[in-house]
Amino acid sequence: MAESLRIATWNLDHASNSKRPIDLQVIQLLRIQPDILVLTETCKEVDLESHGFNSYPCKANEYGKYCSAIYLSQRINFSKRLTTYDETTACCVQANTPLGSMIIYGTIITYHGYKGPMNDSPAWAEHYDAIEKQSDDWRRLGGQVPLIAAGDFNQTRDGSSRTYGTKKGRELLSANLNINHMHCLTTENFGAAGKLKVDPSKGWVRNSIDHICITEGAFRAVRVGAWDHFNEAGLYLSDHNGVFVDIEQ
């Protein structure tokens, strides 16, 4: 049987706020059993270390939380940290895995309403700028070693009518993935595929804006899946679905 790795990502919706039960978020993450996990909008209280994971967060923001953090299971050996364009937004490590060495880049691509450091940017302008800057990171960091970029990309890419983001943003990300010889593995409409359930409060399936992208030709995706932003009792765990990909060589 071929060796495989599970890569997962989930935005925890400002973990440790009063609305999101961290203990239930952790239970959900352990059910997924990832080898490589990128969490966004997380914090130190999300304790995966006691369950055998090593964590590599970005720099804490002014609220003491992390925009992104990478977690590696015991199957994965940390090699070194790599510098990103913005250490409070994106984190990056190189690791040795059963499938060989790879670079893992965890990130949030800026959301539509961020107005920039001068508080004067129009909607989506900082999103476009972040795509370009992160693409520069991918170009600088990638090459000899396969690169995985995962996190909250703040855009739907499933082609459905229930979209978040702009046509320009999707086209810009696609162009920059192509430049870096990468492709997005999570463009599937998970609701239409029956992999996500209808939100019991809203009456529709939430589309995914968290994504996993990978160097073309490096690995084969043998399974792509997602989990709901609520649990079996209908309790919200986040305002994002989580996504995962199983890869083989």
Protein backbone atom coordinates (compact mmCIF):
# COMPACT_ATOMS: atom_id res chain seq x y z
CA MET A 1 0.00 0.00 0.00
CA ALA A 2 1.37 3.42 -0.99
CA GLU A 3 2.44 5.87 1.72
CA SER A 4 0.12 8.85 2.04
CA LEU A 5 -0.07 12.11 3.97
CA ARG A 6 -3.12 14.07 5.10
CA ILE A 7 -2.94 17.86 4.86
CA ALA A 8 -5.73 19.89 6.45
CA THR A 9 -6.59 23.53 7.09
CA TRP A 10 -9.28 25.31 9.12
CA ASN A 11 -10.01 28.88 10.19
CA LEU A 12 -11.09 28.78 13.84
CA ASP A 13 -12.89 32.14 13.74
CA HIS A 14 -10.78 33.99 16.31
CA ALA A 15 -10.24 31.00 18.58
CA SER A 16 -10.87 31.55 22.29
CA ASN A 17 -13.67 34.02 21.73
CA SER A 18 -16.78 33.36 23.78
CA LYS A 19 -18.69 31.84 20.85
CA ARG A 20 -16.31 29.06 19.82
CA PRO A 21 -15.67 26.12 22.19
CA ILE A 22 -11.98 25.30 21.85
CA ASP A 23 -12.35 21.83 23.34
CA LEU A 24 -14.85 20.87 20.64
CA GLN A 25 -12.65 22.38 17.93
CA VAL A 26 -9.76 20.21 19.13
CA ILE A 27 -11.99 17.11 19.16
CA GLN A 28 -12.95 17.80 15.55
CA LEU A 29 -9.32 18.27 14.51
CA LEU A 30 -8.29 15.00 16.15
CA ARG A 31 -11.06 13.21 14.25
CA ILE A 32 -9.55 14.40 10.99
CA GLN A 33 -6.13 12.97 11.96
CA PRO A 34 -3.96 15.29 9.86
CA ASP A 35 -0.24 14.83 9.38
CA ILE A 36 0.19 18.47 8.40
CA LEU A 37 -2.29 21.03 9.69
CA VAL A 38 -2.59 24.76 9.05
CA LEU A 39 -4.86 26.63 11.44
CA THR A 40 -5.80 30.26 10.94
CA GLU A 41 -7.24 32.76 13.42
CA THR A 42 -5.95 30.56 16.22
CA CYS A 43 -4.22 30.98 19.58
CA LYS A 44 -2.04 29.15 22.10
CA GLU A 45 -5.11 27.86 23.94
CA VAL A 46 -5.81 25.52 21.02
CA ASP A 47 -3.72 22.75 22.56
CA LEU A 48 -2.63 20.14 20.05
CA GLU A 49 0.84 19.71 21.51
CA SER A 50 -0.52 17.44 24.26
CA HIS A 51 -1.90 15.23 21.46
CA GLY A 52 1.51 14.76 19.84
CA PHE A 53 1.72 17.72 17.46
CA ASN A 54 4.53 20.25 17.25
CA SER A 55 3.42 23.81 16.50
CA TYR A 56 5.06 26.59 14.50
CA PRO A 57 2.91 29.73 14.69
CA CYS A 58 3.51 33.07 13.05
CA LYS A 59 4.20 36.06 15.31
CA ALA A 60 1.34 36.87 17.64
CA ASN A 61 -0.74 39.90 16.69
CA GLU A 62 -1.70 42.78 18.98
CA TYR A 63 -4.39 40.59 20.58
CA GLY A 64 -1.96 37.78 21.36
CA LYS A 65 -3.42 35.50 18.69
CA TYR A 66 -1.99 33.94 15.54
CA CYS A 67 -3.18 34.64 12.00
CA SER A 68 -1.68 31.29 11.04
CA ALA A 69 0.08 28.32 12.63
CA ILE A 70 1.50 25.07 11.27
CA TYR A 71 1.16 21.81 13.22
CA LEU A 72 3.18 18.71 12.41
CA SER A 73 2.29 15.22 13.62
CA GLN A 74 4.87 12.78 14.93
CA ARG A 75 5.23 11.36 11.42
CA ILE A 76 6.75 14.67 10.28
CA ASN A 77 10.21 15.91 11.25
CA PHE A 78 10.77 19.66 11.42
CA SER A 79 13.82 20.83 9.47
CA LYS A 80 13.88 24.64 9.64
CA ARG A 81 11.80 27.79 9.70
CA LEU A 82 11.69 29.96 6.59
CA THR A 83 11.06 33.71 6.47
CA THR A 84 7.86 35.08 4.90
CA TYR A 85 7.03 38.57 3.65
CA ASP A 86 4.91 39.24 6.74
CA GLU A 87 5.70 37.20 9.84
CA THR A 88 2.40 38.12 11.50
CA THR A 89 0.32 36.82 8.57
CA ALA A 90 2.18 33.86 7.11
CA CYS A 91 4.37 31.16 8.64
CA CYS A 92 6.59 28.71 6.79
CA VAL A 93 8.63 25.63 7.63
CA GLN A 94 10.57 22.99 5.77
CA ALA A 95 9.94 19.46 6.99
CA ASN A 96 10.97 15.89 6.25
CA THR A 97 8.00 13.60 5.62
CA PRO A 98 7.44 9.99 4.50
CA LEU A 99 7.00 11.49 1.01
CA GLY A 100 10.26 13.46 1.18
CA SER A 101 11.20 17.01 2.03
CA MET A 102 8.57 19.70 1.51
CA ILE A 103 7.91 23.34 2.34
CA ILE A 104 4.68 24.18 4.17
CA TYR A 105 3.35 27.73 3.93
CA GLY A 106 0.44 28.62 6.20
CA THR A 107 -1.41 31.85 5.67
CA ILE A 108 -4.41 34.12 5.55
CA ILE A 109 -4.83 36.04 2.30
CA THR A 110 -6.25 39.39 3.42
CA TYR A 111 -10.03 39.73 3.62
CA HIS A 112 -12.09 42.21 1.62
CA GLY A 113 -12.60 44.83 4.33
CA TYR A 114 -9.03 45.40 5.51
CA LYS A 115 -8.15 49.00 4.69
CA GLY A 116 -4.39 48.66 4.94
CA PRO A 117 -1.82 50.29 7.24
CA MET A 118 -2.99 53.80 6.32
CA ASN A 119 -6.67 52.85 6.68
CA ASP A 120 -7.44 54.13 3.19
CA SER A 121 -7.46 51.08 0.90
CA PRO A 122 -10.68 50.31 -1.02
CA ALA A 123 -12.41 46.95 -0.63
CA TRP A 124 -10.36 43.99 -1.88
CA ALA A 125 -7.26 46.09 -2.70
CA GLU A 126 -5.25 44.56 0.15
CA HIS A 127 -6.47 41.09 -0.88
CA TYR A 128 -5.00 41.58 -4.35
CA ASP A 129 -1.76 42.94 -2.90
CA ALA A 130 -1.43 39.99 -0.52
CA ILE A 131 -1.83 37.52 -3.41
CA GLU A 132 1.06 39.16 -5.25
CA LYS A 133 3.30 39.29 -2.17
CA GLN A 134 2.59 35.72 -1.17
CA SER A 135 3.21 34.61 -4.73
CA ASP A 136 6.63 36.25 -4.47
CA ASP A 137 7.22 34.16 -1.32
CA TRP A 138 6.21 30.97 -3.11
CA ARG A 139 8.57 31.79 -5.97
CA ARG A 140 11.45 32.51 -3.59
CA LEU A 141 10.85 29.50 -1.33
CA GLY A 142 9.85 26.89 -3.89
CA GLY A 143 11.80 25.27 -6.68
CA GLN A 144 13.90 22.29 -5.62
CA VAL A 145 11.47 21.18 -2.90
CA PRO A 146 7.67 20.80 -3.34
CA LEU A 147 5.66 23.58 -1.72
CA ILE A 148 2.27 23.37 -0.03
CA ALA A 149 0.37 26.62 0.59
CA ALA A 150 -2.69 26.28 2.80
CA GLY A 151 -4.99 28.46 4.86
CA ASP A 152 -7.78 30.99 4.59
CA PHE A 153 -7.63 32.34 1.03
CA ASN A 154 -10.76 34.49 1.44
CA GLN A 155 -12.27 33.44 -1.88
CA THR A 156 -14.50 30.65 -3.12
CA ARG A 157 -13.08 28.72 -6.05
CA ASP A 158 -15.84 26.16 -6.70
CA GLY A 159 -17.58 27.97 -9.56
CA SER A 160 -20.90 28.16 -7.72
CA SER A 161 -23.27 31.11 -7.61
CA ARG A 162 -22.86 31.44 -3.82
CA THR A 163 -19.45 33.10 -3.98
CA TYR A 164 -17.20 35.16 -1.77
CA GLY A 165 -14.46 37.18 -3.39
CA THR A 166 -14.20 38.80 -6.80
CA LYS A 167 -13.61 37.58 -10.32
CA LYS A 168 -10.41 39.64 -10.36
CA GLY A 169 -9.17 38.02 -7.16
CA ARG A 170 -9.81 34.49 -8.39
CA GLU A 171 -8.13 35.21 -11.71
CA LEU A 172 -5.17 36.85 -9.97
CA LEU A 173 -4.67 33.88 -7.65
CA SER A 174 -4.97 31.45 -10.57
CA ALA A 175 -2.38 33.40 -12.55
CA ASN A 176 0.05 33.46 -9.64
CA LEU A 177 -0.43 29.76 -8.95
CA ASN A 178 0.37 29.11 -12.60
CA ILE A 179 3.49 31.28 -12.40
CA ASN A 180 4.68 29.18 -9.49
CA HIS A 181 3.70 25.86 -11.11
CA MET A 182 1.12 25.19 -8.41
CA HIS A 183 -2.53 24.23 -8.46
CA CYS A 184 -5.38 24.38 -5.99
CA LEU A 185 -6.69 20.99 -4.83
CA THR A 186 -9.82 22.30 -3.08
CA THR A 187 -11.87 23.83 -5.89
CA GLU A 188 -14.61 21.22 -5.51
CA ASN A 189 -18.15 22.28 -4.60
CA PHE A 190 -18.22 20.22 -1.41
CA GLY A 191 -21.89 20.85 -0.76
CA ALA A 192 -22.97 19.68 -4.21
CA ALA A 193 -20.73 16.63 -3.79
CA GLY A 194 -22.49 15.72 -0.53
CA LYS A 195 -19.36 16.22 1.58
CA LEU A 196 -20.88 19.04 3.62
CA LYS A 197 -24.31 19.28 5.24
CA VAL A 198 -26.90 22.03 5.20
CA ASP A 199 -26.36 24.59 7.93
CA PRO A 200 -29.22 23.89 10.37
CA SER A 201 -29.61 27.58 11.21
CA LYS A 202 -29.27 29.14 7.74
CA GLY A 203 -30.75 26.41 5.55
CA TRP A 204 -27.95 26.28 3.01
CA VAL A 205 -24.48 24.76 2.67
CA ARG A 206 -21.63 27.13 3.45
CA ASN A 207 -19.10 27.34 0.61
CA SER A 208 -15.44 26.89 1.45
CA ILE A 209 -12.85 29.67 1.27
CA ASP A 210 -10.06 27.70 2.98
CA HIS A 211 -7.77 26.05 0.44
CA ILE A 212 -4.78 23.78 -0.09
CA CYS A 213 -2.47 24.37 -3.06
CA ILE A 214 0.54 22.31 -4.05
CA THR A 215 3.39 22.13 -6.55
CA GLU A 216 2.20 20.57 -9.80
CA GLY A 217 3.35 17.02 -10.43
CA ALA A 218 4.93 16.57 -7.00
CA PHE A 219 2.16 14.41 -5.53
CA ARG A 220 -1.13 12.79 -6.44
CA ALA A 221 -4.29 13.75 -4.56
CA VAL A 222 -6.09 10.51 -3.75
CA ARG A 223 -8.83 12.05 -1.61
CA VAL A 224 -10.18 15.57 -1.12
CA GLY A 225 -12.63 16.18 1.68
CA ALA A 226 -14.20 18.75 3.99
CA TRP A 227 -15.92 19.01 7.34
CA ASP A 228 -18.73 21.25 8.51
CA HIS A 229 -18.35 24.37 10.61
CA PHE A 230 -20.84 22.90 13.11
CA ASN A 231 -20.95 19.62 15.04
CA GLU A 232 -23.53 16.85 15.20
CA ALA A 233 -25.63 18.86 17.67
CA GLY A 234 -25.70 21.85 15.30
CA LEU A 235 -23.37 23.90 17.52
CA TYR A 236 -21.17 26.29 15.54
CA LEU A 237 -17.45 25.56 15.93
CA SER A 238 -16.35 28.22 13.42
CA ASP A 239 -17.67 30.35 10.58
CA HIS A 240 -15.53 28.33 8.13
CA ASN A 241 -15.63 24.75 6.91
CA GLY A 242 -12.39 22.82 7.13
CA VAL A 243 -10.79 21.03 4.17
CA PHE A 244 -8.27 18.23 3.81
CA VAL A 245 -6.35 16.41 1.09
CA ASP A 246 -4.67 13.00 1.13
CA ILE A 247 -1.62 12.88 -1.11
CA GLU A 248 0.65 10.12 -2.43
CA GLN A 249 3.66 10.11 -4.69
